Amino acid sequence: AVPPSGVNSDFSAAVDQGNGSKICYDGTGGGFLLRILQPSTTYYFKVYEYNGTGTGVNYLTTGAVLSGYQLTQ
């Protein structure tokens, strides 16, 4: 597997990975701050698990650990 590129917590700067999907966080920890969202816009999100590092990353692609949506104000 190839590590993701274009990851950015600034939503407007994160690279479109296809169909409008963007990777805004790639790491460990309990949370992060997603920045530069547009007001009155619904954003959909999914969280996926993976293990390994570099080219040895294995993504759990059969389902998201967490998914949902949020309307910004």
PDB file of N, CA and C in Angstrom:
ATOM      1  N   ALA A   1       0.836  -1.186   0.000  1.00  0.00           N
ATOM      2  CA  ALA A   1       0.000   0.000   0.000  1.00  0.00           C
ATOM      3  C   ALA A   1       0.878   1.245   0.000  1.00  0.00           C
ATOM      4  N   VAL A   2       0.353   2.288  -0.558  1.00  0.00           N
ATOM      5  CA  VAL A   2       1.067   3.563  -0.633  1.00  0.00           C
ATOM      6  C   VAL A   2       0.482   4.498   0.423  1.00  0.00           C
ATOM      7  N   PRO A   3       1.320   5.119   1.239  1.00  0.00           N
ATOM      8  CA  PRO A   3       0.792   6.067   2.226  1.00  0.00           C
ATOM      9  C   PRO A   3       0.013   7.189   1.525  1.00  0.00           C
ATOM     10  N   PRO A   4      -1.023   7.697   2.152  1.00  0.00           N
ATOM     11  CA  PRO A   4      -1.815   8.750   1.509  1.00  0.00           C
ATOM     12  C   PRO A   4      -1.021  10.043   1.362  1.00  0.00           C
ATOM     13  N   SER A   5      -1.332  10.776   0.320  1.00  0.00           N
ATOM     14  CA  SER A   5      -0.719  12.088   0.121  1.00  0.00           C
ATOM     15  C   SER A   5      -1.831  13.121   0.094  1.00  0.00           C
ATOM     16  N   GLY A   6      -1.460  14.378   0.259  1.00  0.00           N
ATOM     17  CA  GLY A   6      -2.443  15.448   0.215  1.00  0.00           C
ATOM     18  C   GLY A   6      -3.251  15.593   1.481  1.00  0.00           C
ATOM     19  N   VAL A   7      -2.774  15.005   2.587  1.00  0.00           N
ATOM     20  CA  VAL A   7      -3.479  15.078   3.874  1.00  0.00           C
ATOM     21  C   VAL A   7      -3.305  16.476   4.447  1.00  0.00           C
ATOM     22  N   ASN A   8      -4.420  17.093   4.886  1.00  0.00           N
ATOM     23  CA  ASN A   8      -4.318  18.432   5.452  1.00  0.00           C
ATOM     24  C   ASN A   8      -5.531  18.689   6.335  1.00  0.00           C
ATOM     25  N   SER A   9      -5.327  19.182   7.551  1.00  0.00           N
ATOM     26  CA  SER A   9      -6.451  19.488   8.438  1.00  0.00           C
ATOM     27  C   SER A   9      -7.195  20.752   8.000  1.00  0.00           C
ATOM     28  N   ASP A  10      -6.633  21.497   7.055  1.00  0.00           N
ATOM     29  CA  ASP A  10      -7.321  22.616   6.402  1.00  0.00           C
ATOM     30  C   ASP A  10      -8.125  21.987   5.261  1.00  0.00           C
ATOM     31  N   PHE A  11      -9.434  21.849   5.440  1.00  0.00           N
ATOM     32  CA  PHE A  11     -10.260  21.135   4.471  1.00  0.00           C
ATOM     33  C   PHE A  11     -10.092  21.669   3.056  1.00  0.00           C
ATOM     34  N   SER A  12      -9.984  22.988   2.917  1.00  0.00           N
ATOM     35  CA  SER A  12      -9.865  23.583   1.585  1.00  0.00           C
ATOM     36  C   SER A  12      -8.532  23.231   0.922  1.00  0.00           C
ATOM     37  N   ALA A  13      -7.513  22.869   1.699  1.00  0.00           N
ATOM     38  CA  ALA A  13      -6.198  22.546   1.146  1.00  0.00           C
ATOM     39  C   ALA A  13      -5.964  21.049   0.992  1.00  0.00           C
ATOM     40  N   ALA A  14      -6.804  20.212   1.596  1.00  0.00           N
ATOM     41  CA  ALA A  14      -6.653  18.763   1.467  1.00  0.00           C
ATOM     42  C   ALA A  14      -6.939  18.367   0.023  1.00  0.00           C
ATOM     43  N   VAL A  15      -6.170  17.427  -0.496  1.00  0.00           N
ATOM     44  CA  VAL A  15      -6.287  17.003  -1.893  1.00  0.00           C
ATOM     45  C   VAL A  15      -7.492  16.083  -2.074  1.00  0.00           C
ATOM     46  N   ASP A  16      -8.280  16.335  -3.120  1.00  0.00           N
ATOM     47  CA  ASP A  16      -9.415  15.483  -3.459  1.00  0.00           C
ATOM     48  C   ASP A  16      -8.876  14.110  -3.864  1.00  0.00           C
ATOM     49  N   GLN A  17      -9.287  13.076  -3.143  1.00  0.00           N
ATOM     50  CA  GLN A  17      -8.829  11.715  -3.408  1.00  0.00           C
ATOM     51  C   GLN A  17      -9.750  11.000  -4.409  1.00  0.00           C
ATOM     52  N   GLY A  18     -10.769  11.692  -4.865  1.00  0.00           N
ATOM     53  CA  GLY A  18     -11.741  11.127  -5.802  1.00  0.00           C
ATOM     54  C   GLY A  18     -13.146  11.290  -5.250  1.00  0.00           C
ATOM     55  N   ASN A  19     -14.084  11.678  -6.091  1.00  0.00           N
ATOM     56  CA  ASN A  19     -15.493  11.868  -5.706  1.00  0.00           C
ATOM     57  C   ASN A  19     -15.669  12.857  -4.559  1.00  0.00           C
ATOM     58  N   GLY A  20     -14.771  13.823  -4.438  1.00  0.00           N
ATOM     59  CA  GLY A  20     -14.874  14.830  -3.393  1.00  0.00           C
ATOM     60  C   GLY A  20     -14.362  14.385  -2.032  1.00  0.00           C
ATOM     61  N   SER A  21     -13.840  13.168  -1.947  1.00  0.00           N
ATOM     62  CA  SER A  21     -13.313  12.653  -0.684  1.00  0.00           C
ATOM     63  C   SER A  21     -11.939  13.236  -0.402  1.00  0.00           C
ATOM     64  N   LYS A  22     -11.713  13.639   0.845  1.00  0.00           N
ATOM     65  CA  LYS A  22     -10.433  14.206   1.250  1.00  0.00           C
ATOM     66  C   LYS A  22      -9.964  13.528   2.534  1.00  0.00           C
ATOM     67  N   ILE A  23      -8.655  13.374   2.684  1.00  0.00           N
ATOM     68  CA  ILE A  23      -8.084  12.841   3.917  1.00  0.00           C
ATOM     69  C   ILE A  23      -7.576  14.033   4.704  1.00  0.00           C
ATOM     70  N   CYS A  24      -8.182  14.254   5.866  1.00  0.00           N
ATOM     71  CA  CYS A  24      -7.856  15.436   6.662  1.00  0.00           C
ATOM     72  C   CYS A  24      -7.024  15.105   7.890  1.00  0.00           C
ATOM     73  N   TYR A  25      -6.855  13.837   8.182  1.00  0.00           N
ATOM     74  CA  TYR A  25      -6.045  13.431   9.338  1.00  0.00           C
ATOM     75  C   TYR A  25      -5.521  12.038   9.089  1.00  0.00           C
ATOM     76  N   ASP A  26      -4.263  11.824   9.385  1.00  0.00           N
ATOM     77  CA  ASP A  26      -3.636  10.513   9.243  1.00  0.00           C
ATOM     78  C   ASP A  26      -2.653  10.371  10.394  1.00  0.00           C
ATOM     79  N   GLY A  27      -3.062   9.708  11.443  1.00  0.00           N
ATOM     80  CA  GLY A  27      -2.170   9.576  12.585  1.00  0.00           C
ATOM     81  C   GLY A  27      -2.848   8.893  13.746  1.00  0.00           C
ATOM     82  N   THR A  28      -2.219   9.014  14.915  1.00  0.00           N
ATOM     83  CA  THR A  28      -2.763   8.425  16.124  1.00  0.00           C
ATOM     84  C   THR A  28      -3.311   9.532  17.013  1.00  0.00           C
ATOM     85  N   GLY A  29      -4.102   9.167  17.950  1.00  0.00           N
ATOM     86  CA  GLY A  29      -4.640  10.158  18.871  1.00  0.00           C
ATOM     87  C   GLY A  29      -6.145  10.087  18.939  1.00  0.00           C
ATOM     88  N   GLY A  30      -6.687  10.864  19.850  1.00  0.00           N
ATOM     89  CA  GLY A  30      -8.114  10.837  20.087  1.00  0.00           C
ATOM     90  C   GLY A  30      -8.908  11.901  19.364  1.00  0.00           C
ATOM     91  N   GLY A  31      -8.249  12.799  18.635  1.00  0.00           N
ATOM     92  CA  GLY A  31      -8.989  13.826  17.928  1.00  0.00           C
ATOM     93  C   GLY A  31      -8.078  14.804  17.217  1.00  0.00           C
ATOM     94  N   PHE A  32      -8.667  15.657  16.432  1.00  0.00           N
ATOM     95  CA  PHE A  32      -7.938  16.704  15.714  1.00  0.00           C
ATOM     96  C   PHE A  32      -8.909  17.820  15.375  1.00  0.00           C
ATOM     97  N   LEU A  33      -8.394  18.953  14.993  1.00  0.00           N
ATOM     98  CA  LEU A  33      -9.218  20.106  14.635  1.00  0.00           C
ATOM     99  C   LEU A  33      -9.265  20.230  13.118  1.00  0.00           C
ATOM    100  N   LEU A  34     -10.454  20.089  12.555  1.00  0.00           N
ATOM    101  CA  LEU A  34     -10.670  20.266  11.123  1.00  0.00           C
ATOM    102  C   LEU A  34     -10.968  21.733  10.884  1.00  0.00           C
ATOM    103  N   ARG A  35     -10.216  22.361   9.995  1.00  0.00           N
ATOM    104  CA  ARG A  35     -10.310  23.808   9.818  1.00  0.00           C
ATOM    105  C   ARG A  35     -10.813  24.186   8.427  1.00  0.00           C
ATOM    106  N   ILE A  36     -11.193  25.434   8.292  1.00  0.00           N
ATOM    107  CA  ILE A  36     -11.592  26.082   7.031  1.00  0.00           C
ATOM    108  C   ILE A  36     -12.780  25.361   6.386  1.00  0.00           C
ATOM    109  N   LEU A  37     -13.877  25.282   7.141  1.00  0.00           N
ATOM    110  CA  LEU A  37     -15.125  24.728   6.619  1.00  0.00           C
ATOM    111  C   LEU A  37     -16.040  25.879   6.220  1.00  0.00           C
ATOM    112  N   GLN A  38     -16.891  25.644   5.247  1.00  0.00           N
ATOM    113  CA  GLN A  38     -17.827  26.657   4.776  1.00  0.00           C
ATOM    114  C   GLN A  38     -19.081  26.650   5.642  1.00  0.00           C
ATOM    115  N   PRO A  39     -19.647  27.829   5.959  1.00  0.00           N
ATOM    116  CA  PRO A  39     -20.874  27.884   6.758  1.00  0.00           C
ATOM    117  C   PRO A  39     -22.069  27.301   5.996  1.00  0.00           C
ATOM    118  N   SER A  40     -23.053  26.834   6.740  1.00  0.00           N
ATOM    119  CA  SER A  40     -24.303  26.293   6.184  1.00  0.00           C
ATOM    120  C   SER A  40     -24.052  25.197   5.160  1.00  0.00           C
ATOM    121  N   THR A  41     -23.084  24.359   5.429  1.00  0.00           N
ATOM    122  CA  THR A  41     -22.717  23.262   4.534  1.00  0.00           C
ATOM    123  C   THR A  41     -22.716  21.966   5.334  1.00  0.00           C
ATOM    124  N   THR A  42     -23.269  20.897   4.760  1.00  0.00           N
ATOM    125  CA  THR A  42     -23.240  19.598   5.411  1.00  0.00           C
ATOM    126  C   THR A  42     -21.994  18.848   4.967  1.00  0.00           C
ATOM    127  N   TYR A  43     -21.208  18.396   5.938  1.00  0.00           N
ATOM    128  CA  TYR A  43     -20.000  17.616   5.685  1.00  0.00           C
ATOM    129  C   TYR A  43     -20.223  16.195   6.193  1.00  0.00           C
ATOM    130  N   TYR A  44     -19.879  15.216   5.383  1.00  0.00           N
ATOM    131  CA  TYR A  44     -19.984  13.808   5.744  1.00  0.00           C
ATOM    132  C   TYR A  44     -18.584  13.313   6.076  1.00  0.00           C
ATOM    133  N   PHE A  45     -18.481  12.433   7.066  1.00  0.00           N
ATOM    134  CA  PHE A  45     -17.160  11.958   7.452  1.00  0.00           C
ATOM    135  C   PHE A  45     -17.179  10.465   7.741  1.00  0.00           C
ATOM    136  N   LYS A  46     -15.998   9.860   7.616  1.00  0.00           N
ATOM    137  CA  LYS A  46     -15.777   8.462   7.970  1.00  0.00           C
ATOM    138  C   LYS A  46     -14.394   8.356   8.594  1.00  0.00           C
ATOM    139  N   VAL A  47     -14.279   7.453   9.553  1.00  0.00           N
ATOM    140  CA  VAL A  47     -13.005   7.186  10.209  1.00  0.00           C
ATOM    141  C   VAL A  47     -12.661   5.728   9.938  1.00  0.00           C
ATOM    142  N   TYR A  48     -11.453   5.490   9.418  1.00  0.00           N
ATOM    143  CA  TYR A  48     -10.997   4.140   9.115  1.00  0.00           C
ATOM    144  C   TYR A  48      -9.777   3.794   9.954  1.00  0.00           C
ATOM    145  N   GLU A  49      -9.689   2.534  10.342  1.00  0.00           N
ATOM    146  CA  GLU A  49      -8.519   2.038  11.062  1.00  0.00           C
ATOM    147  C   GLU A  49      -7.462   1.564  10.074  1.00  0.00           C
ATOM    148  N   TYR A  50      -6.209   1.610  10.517  1.00  0.00           N
ATOM    149  CA  TYR A  50      -5.135   0.975   9.768  1.00  0.00           C
ATOM    150  C   TYR A  50      -4.027   0.600  10.724  1.00  0.00           C
ATOM    151  N   ASN A  51      -3.180  -0.311  10.273  1.00  0.00           N
ATOM    152  CA  ASN A  51      -1.974  -0.629  11.024  1.00  0.00           C
ATOM    153  C   ASN A  51      -0.803  -0.693  10.054  1.00  0.00           C
ATOM    154  N   GLY A  52       0.397  -0.724  10.584  1.00  0.00           N
ATOM    155  CA  GLY A  52       1.590  -0.703   9.754  1.00  0.00           C
ATOM    156  C   GLY A  52       2.052   0.721   9.502  1.00  0.00           C
ATOM    157  N   THR A  53       3.164   0.842   8.804  1.00  0.00           N
ATOM    158  CA  THR A  53       3.724   2.152   8.468  1.00  0.00           C
ATOM    159  C   THR A  53       4.284   2.137   7.051  1.00  0.00           C
ATOM    160  N   GLY A  54       4.474   3.330   6.502  1.00  0.00           N
ATOM    161  CA  GLY A  54       5.078   3.457   5.165  1.00  0.00           C
ATOM    162  C   GLY A  54       4.338   2.654   4.126  1.00  0.00           C
ATOM    163  N   THR A  55       5.062   1.863   3.345  1.00  0.00           N
ATOM    164  CA  THR A  55       4.434   1.057   2.299  1.00  0.00           C
ATOM    165  C   THR A  55       3.806  -0.216   2.860  1.00  0.00           C
ATOM    166  N   GLY A  56       3.954  -0.463   4.173  1.00  0.00           N
ATOM    167  CA  GLY A  56       3.362  -1.634   4.808  1.00  0.00           C
ATOM    168  C   GLY A  56       2.055  -1.334   5.521  1.00  0.00           C
ATOM    169  N   VAL A  57       1.389  -0.241   5.160  1.00  0.00           N
ATOM    170  CA  VAL A  57       0.124   0.130   5.798  1.00  0.00           C
ATOM    171  C   VAL A  57      -0.989  -0.786   5.290  1.00  0.00           C
ATOM    172  N   ASN A  58      -1.811  -1.266   6.224  1.00  0.00           N
ATOM    173  CA  ASN A  58      -2.972  -2.094   5.888  1.00  0.00           C
ATOM    174  C   ASN A  58      -4.223  -1.381   6.366  1.00  0.00           C
ATOM    175  N   TYR A  59      -5.077  -0.963   5.434  1.00  0.00           N
ATOM    176  CA  TYR A  59      -6.291  -0.232   5.761  1.00  0.00           C
ATOM    177  C   TYR A  59      -7.467  -1.187   5.915  1.00  0.00           C
ATOM    178  N   LEU A  60      -8.313  -0.929   6.909  1.00  0.00           N
ATOM    179  CA  LEU A  60      -9.555  -1.667   7.074  1.00  0.00           C
ATOM    180  C   LEU A  60     -10.585  -0.984   6.179  1.00  0.00           C
ATOM    181  N   THR A  61     -10.816  -1.545   5.005  1.00  0.00           N
ATOM    182  CA  THR A  61     -11.684  -0.895   4.016  1.00  0.00           C
ATOM    183  C   THR A  61     -13.081  -1.500   3.959  1.00  0.00           C
ATOM    184  N   THR A  62     -13.376  -2.485   4.798  1.00  0.00           N
ATOM    185  CA  THR A  62     -14.686  -3.127   4.745  1.00  0.00           C
ATOM    186  C   THR A  62     -15.751  -2.341   5.489  1.00  0.00           C
ATOM    187  N   GLY A  63     -15.358  -1.333   6.242  1.00  0.00           N
ATOM    188  CA  GLY A  63     -16.332  -0.517   6.947  1.00  0.00           C
ATOM    189  C   GLY A  63     -15.634   0.519   7.804  1.00  0.00           C
ATOM    190  N   ALA A  64     -16.313   1.596   8.020  1.00  0.00           N
ATOM    191  CA  ALA A  64     -15.749   2.677   8.827  1.00  0.00           C
ATOM    192  C   ALA A  64     -15.963   2.381  10.303  1.00  0.00           C
ATOM    193  N   VAL A  65     -15.018   2.786  11.124  1.00  0.00           N
ATOM    194  CA  VAL A  65     -15.158   2.688  12.571  1.00  0.00           C
ATOM    195  C   VAL A  65     -16.219   3.667  13.036  1.00  0.00           C
ATOM    196  N   LEU A  66     -16.253   4.817  12.395  1.00  0.00           N
ATOM    197  CA  LEU A  66     -17.189   5.878  12.741  1.00  0.00           C
ATOM    198  C   LEU A  66     -17.574   6.598  11.462  1.00  0.00           C
ATOM    199  N   SER A  67     -18.835   6.922  11.320  1.00  0.00           N
ATOM    200  CA  SER A  67     -19.261   7.732  10.174  1.00  0.00           C
ATOM    201  C   SER A  67     -20.438   8.596  10.598  1.00  0.00           C
ATOM    202  N   GLY A  68     -20.667   9.651   9.871  1.00  0.00           N
ATOM    203  CA  GLY A  68     -21.767  10.543  10.194  1.00  0.00           C
ATOM    204  C   GLY A  68     -21.715  11.791   9.355  1.00  0.00           C
ATOM    205  N   TYR A  69     -22.428  12.804   9.790  1.00  0.00           N
ATOM    206  CA  TYR A  69     -22.454  14.070   9.083  1.00  0.00           C
ATOM    207  C   TYR A  69     -22.701  15.195  10.076  1.00  0.00           C
ATOM    208  N   GLN A  70     -22.341  16.392   9.668  1.00  0.00           N
ATOM    209  CA  GLN A  70     -22.520  17.571  10.517  1.00  0.00           C
ATOM    210  C   GLN A  70     -22.792  18.777   9.634  1.00  0.00           C
ATOM    211  N   LEU A  71     -23.803  19.553   9.965  1.00  0.00           N
ATOM    212  CA  LEU A  71     -24.096  20.807   9.276  1.00  0.00           C
ATOM    213  C   LEU A  71     -23.372  21.929  10.002  1.00  0.00           C
ATOM    214  N   THR A  72     -22.581  22.693   9.286  1.00  0.00           N
ATOM    215  CA  THR A  72     -21.885  23.827   9.909  1.00  0.00           C
ATOM    216  C   THR A  72     -22.857  24.992  10.055  1.00  0.00           C
ATOM    217  N   GLN A  73     -22.521  25.883  10.961  1.00  0.00           N
ATOM    218  CA  GLN A  73     -23.389  27.038  11.199  1.00  0.00           C
ATOM    219  C   GLN A  73     -22.796  28.293  10.625  1.00  0.00           C
TER     220      GLN A  73
END
